[in-house]
Amino acid sequence: MAKRKAIKRKIVKKKVAKKTVKKKAVKRKAVKKKVVKRKAVRRAPAKKRKVVRAKPVRISVKPVKKDKTLSIVGLIVNLLVPGLGSIIGGKIHSGIWQLILLIAGPILGILFTATGIGAIIGIPLLLLSPIVAWIWALITGIMMVAE
């Protein structure tokens, strides 16, 4: 009986050994297949792409004629209140500065004259700032109409 058991063990060992050998062989084949698949998947070197540049588009824009009525109204108003006509005509930045010169110039001139020391600066500032603002407004109005 002991002999039979020993023989059965040998047979079982041989069967197990055959199975493991088969499994290893199957794994090796699978590994080889995977390697082959990886080699097949490799891409060919990339071709150089041609750079296509867009052609410039030419757009023709006809100049739009401005309506001069607003500029003429601005010139007339500039003669009465320097700066206000410039703002009406569209020259907002210069119109605001003309109004500041018209209003702040005489105020600063009065303040400088009242101190006594600033009379040399105050009297010309008091007299000349409105004249300068008016001339500047007149030039701005003429330029608006000319455009």
Protein backbone atom coordinates (compact mmCIF):
# COMPACT_ATOMS: atom_id res chain seq x y z
CA MET A 1 0.00 0.00 0.00
CA ALA A 2 2.80 2.30 0.75
CA LYS A 3 4.15 1.55 -2.70
CA ARG A 4 0.86 2.42 -4.31
CA LYS A 5 0.73 5.72 -2.43
CA ALA A 6 4.28 6.53 -3.46
CA ILE A 7 3.47 5.72 -7.10
CA LYS A 8 0.33 7.87 -6.96
CA ARG A 9 2.40 10.73 -5.51
CA LYS A 10 4.91 10.44 -8.35
CA ILE A 11 2.13 10.41 -10.92
CA VAL A 12 0.48 13.41 -9.29
CA LYS A 13 3.84 15.23 -9.16
CA LYS A 14 4.43 14.49 -12.83
CA LYS A 15 0.96 15.79 -13.74
CA VAL A 16 1.50 18.92 -11.66
CA ALA A 17 4.93 19.38 -13.20
CA LYS A 18 3.47 19.03 -16.71
CA LYS A 19 0.76 21.57 -15.90
CA THR A 20 3.26 24.11 -14.60
CA VAL A 21 5.47 23.58 -17.64
CA LYS A 22 2.45 24.11 -19.89
CA LYS A 23 1.47 27.24 -17.96
CA LYS A 24 4.99 28.62 -18.26
CA ALA A 25 5.03 27.85 -21.96
CA VAL A 26 1.67 29.54 -22.41
CA LYS A 27 2.91 32.59 -20.48
CA ARG A 28 6.04 32.75 -22.63
CA LYS A 29 3.93 32.62 -25.79
CA ALA A 30 1.68 35.33 -24.42
CA VAL A 31 4.69 37.47 -23.57
CA LYS A 32 6.07 36.94 -27.07
CA LYS A 33 2.72 37.88 -28.55
CA LYS A 34 2.60 41.04 -26.46
CA VAL A 35 6.07 41.99 -27.59
CA VAL A 36 5.09 41.36 -31.17
CA LYS A 37 1.97 43.48 -30.71
CA ARG A 38 4.02 46.29 -29.22
CA LYS A 39 6.39 46.21 -32.15
CA ALA A 40 3.49 46.33 -34.56
CA VAL A 41 1.95 49.29 -32.75
CA ARG A 42 5.02 51.48 -33.16
CA ARG A 43 4.34 54.41 -35.43
CA ALA A 44 6.29 55.45 -38.42
CA PRO A 45 8.27 58.68 -38.05
CA ALA A 46 6.04 61.73 -38.37
CA LYS A 47 6.03 63.53 -41.69
CA LYS A 48 6.79 67.21 -41.78
CA ARG A 49 3.60 69.21 -41.97
CA LYS A 50 3.26 72.01 -44.43
CA VAL A 51 2.45 75.34 -42.84
CA VAL A 52 -0.45 76.95 -44.63
CA ARG A 53 -0.54 80.69 -44.17
CA ALA A 54 -3.72 82.62 -44.67
CA LYS A 55 -3.72 85.25 -47.37
CA PRO A 56 -4.27 88.78 -46.11
CA VAL A 57 -7.79 90.04 -46.62
CA ARG A 58 -8.19 93.55 -47.95
CA ILE A 59 -11.17 95.42 -46.69
CA SER A 60 -12.10 98.65 -48.35
CA VAL A 61 -13.80 101.12 -46.07
CA LYS A 62 -15.35 104.23 -47.49
CA PRO A 63 -14.75 107.30 -45.38
CA VAL A 64 -17.87 108.44 -43.59
CA LYS A 65 -18.67 112.13 -43.92
CA LYS A 66 -19.24 113.76 -40.56
CA ASP A 67 -22.22 115.97 -40.07
CA LYS A 68 -20.84 119.49 -39.59
CA THR A 69 -23.94 120.91 -37.92
CA LEU A 70 -22.78 119.79 -34.48
CA SER A 71 -19.33 121.32 -35.09
CA ILE A 72 -20.85 124.63 -36.16
CA VAL A 73 -23.13 124.69 -33.11
CA GLY A 74 -20.06 123.92 -30.98
CA LEU A 75 -18.17 126.87 -32.53
CA ILE A 76 -21.04 129.28 -31.81
CA VAL A 77 -21.40 128.04 -28.22
CA ASN A 78 -17.59 128.28 -27.78
CA LEU A 79 -17.80 132.00 -28.58
CA LEU A 80 -20.27 132.47 -25.72
CA VAL A 81 -18.95 129.96 -23.11
CA PRO A 82 -15.41 128.71 -23.81
CA GLY A 83 -15.18 124.95 -23.34
CA LEU A 84 -18.88 124.13 -23.50
CA GLY A 85 -18.93 124.24 -27.30
CA SER A 86 -15.85 122.03 -27.45
CA ILE A 87 -17.63 119.45 -25.31
CA ILE A 88 -20.71 119.65 -27.57
CA GLY A 89 -18.52 119.24 -30.67
CA GLY A 90 -16.86 116.08 -29.31
CA LYS A 91 -13.55 117.46 -27.99
CA ILE A 92 -14.40 116.60 -24.39
CA HIS A 93 -10.87 116.60 -22.95
CA SER A 94 -9.91 120.03 -24.26
CA GLY A 95 -13.38 121.39 -23.45
CA ILE A 96 -13.05 120.43 -19.79
CA TRP A 97 -9.62 122.09 -19.56
CA GLN A 98 -10.97 125.24 -21.19
CA LEU A 99 -13.78 125.42 -18.61
CA ILE A 100 -11.28 124.86 -15.78
CA LEU A 101 -9.08 127.67 -17.13
CA LEU A 102 -12.12 129.95 -17.49
CA ILE A 103 -13.39 129.35 -13.94
CA ALA A 104 -10.29 128.57 -11.85
CA GLY A 105 -8.01 131.24 -13.39
CA PRO A 106 -9.90 134.29 -12.08
CA ILE A 107 -10.52 132.61 -8.71
CA LEU A 108 -6.81 131.95 -8.24
CA GLY A 109 -6.05 135.48 -9.47
CA ILE A 110 -8.33 136.99 -6.80
CA LEU A 111 -6.78 134.81 -4.09
CA PHE A 112 -3.22 135.72 -5.10
CA THR A 113 -4.09 139.43 -5.29
CA ALA A 114 -5.75 139.37 -1.86
CA THR A 115 -2.56 138.08 -0.20
CA GLY A 116 -0.56 141.07 -1.41
CA ILE A 117 2.56 139.04 -2.13
CA GLY A 118 0.96 137.32 -5.11
CA ALA A 119 -0.28 140.51 -6.76
CA ILE A 120 2.39 140.17 -9.44
CA ILE A 121 0.99 136.75 -10.39
CA GLY A 122 -2.64 137.36 -9.37
CA ILE A 123 -3.55 140.37 -11.54
CA PRO A 124 -2.29 138.88 -14.86
CA LEU A 125 -3.91 135.55 -13.96
CA LEU A 126 -7.16 137.34 -13.18
CA LEU A 127 -7.16 139.24 -16.48
CA LEU A 128 -5.48 136.84 -18.92
CA SER A 129 -6.94 133.42 -18.06
CA PRO A 130 -10.44 134.14 -19.50
CA ILE A 131 -8.89 135.64 -22.65
CA VAL A 132 -6.60 132.62 -23.10
CA ALA A 133 -9.54 130.22 -22.53
CA TRP A 134 -11.64 132.14 -25.10
CA ILE A 135 -8.85 132.09 -27.77
CA TRP A 136 -8.20 128.38 -27.12
CA ALA A 137 -11.94 127.64 -27.45
CA LEU A 138 -12.12 129.64 -30.69
CA ILE A 139 -9.20 127.70 -32.21
CA THR A 140 -10.72 124.37 -31.10
CA GLY A 141 -14.10 125.33 -32.65
CA ILE A 142 -12.49 126.29 -35.97
CA MET A 143 -10.55 123.00 -36.04
CA MET A 144 -13.78 121.06 -35.38
CA VAL A 145 -15.49 122.70 -38.34
CA ALA A 146 -12.44 122.16 -40.56
CA GLU A 147 -12.41 118.41 -39.85
